Structures are given as structure tokens and as C-alpha cells.
Amino acid sequence: MIEDLAPIEAVILDLGGVIVPLDYGRTYSLFAGRFEGVSVETFCGGRTQDEVYNLFEVGKMDSEVFRLAFRDRSGGAADPVWFRDAWNAMILGLPPERIEWLKKLSGRTRLFLYSNINAIHYEHLNHLYASFATGSFSDLFEKAYFSHLFGFRKPDPTGFRRIIDENGLDASRTLFVDDGLHHVKSARSMGIRSECLVAPETIEQLMVRLGLMD
């Protein structure tokens, strides 16, 4: 439980690995037979993330150019539909029970989303949400910040500062939750109270442990 600190007035959640379960290996096992030299460790999701993917995540590269980057570096063929489905394979679904939990959380605190995401995954996320709910996934939050639309990606501290300033948040009363420690450290450098979600603990369990949910 958070004690001896000012009460939390706002929560900023990461998406992949916090709300939506991910398995990068599913995508890269599909890529292995077509693209040489591409791995989870060097291309996506970590400190050494490839600059091509960084550009894709901040909206400076469209989906087709991103797909062709794989082809050009390895010579592997990848038709657009196959590539889209393989790229989305890392997303393990959008649990309906988590959506209901987010609705309850938003009734208790100001709730925001800050996700490093790209155009292909963003479209897939909205497709998953539309399969069992009306409206937009973004409706679950006071405001959702998707990196490819926002123009900033974690761990760039500029993105955190923009979110704090645009919404009139007090960093010391704002909680940020992410599954990437380098993202959490960046948020902490901006004075935001931050927690790194480490499996097998879930976001629901973390919020109970911090005393923010029952």
C-alpha cells in the first residue's frame, strides 16, 4: 500500500504487457523462416530496439514502408496480409474482464493510457475491442496517448512531460505503471510515482497491493 505520500489522483497505464498480454516470440517465430538477422532482442521491445521500429512507433514511417524494411534487409518475401497477421500474432488478445476492470478503475481516479504502439497494432487493437464492445477503446480513458499518433514514445521524458502538462496533472500524485523498467525509470526522473509490473503479478493485483483498488 502507498503510505505517507500524497494520495494518487491520476493513473497512467501502459498497454502491451500491462493491459494486453504480449508474446513477441510468436511473431518472431513466424518471421524466422523469412527474415534473417531479425530477433526480439535486436528489433523490438527492448533497449536495443531497431531505429526502423522506433520510426514506425512515432508515426514517421507508414505500414507499407515498415513491411518493405524487412524485405529489403533480408530479401525475404512477405505479402501484406501475411505480414500484418504475423506482426499481430504477438498480441494475445484483449481480455473482456480487464475492460470491465478498467471501467471500475476510471470511476475511482483519472485514468490515462500511454502506449508505444504502431499503426498495424493500433488497427488490430480496435478490431479486438469492437468484437465485444461498442465505441472506441480510447473511450475507457480520459485520454489515450498512442505513440504513433502522439509523436513521442517511451522512454523519452518529453512525452511524459507533455501528458502531465496537457492534463494539469501533479506528477507527485500521478501513478505510472509499465512492464519496462527503462520506461519506469524515465517517468520517475520526471517526478512521477511509477511501478514496474513484473509477471506473474497482474495489473489488478498490483493496484490492490498499492491500496488503489479493492
Foldseek 3Di string as FASTA:
>chain_A
DDPPADAAAEEEEEPEPAQWDFDVVQLVVLCVVFAPPDDCVQDDDDPNHDVLLVCQLQQNDAPVVSVVVRCVRGVGDDDPVRNLVSNLRRTPAGDPVSLVVLLVLVVQHQYEYAYRDGDSNLVVVQVRCVVPDDDGPQVSHPGYHRNSVNSDHPPPLVVVVCVCVVVVHDQSNYEYEEQHVRSQVSSVVVVHHYDHDDPPDHNVNVCVVNVSHD
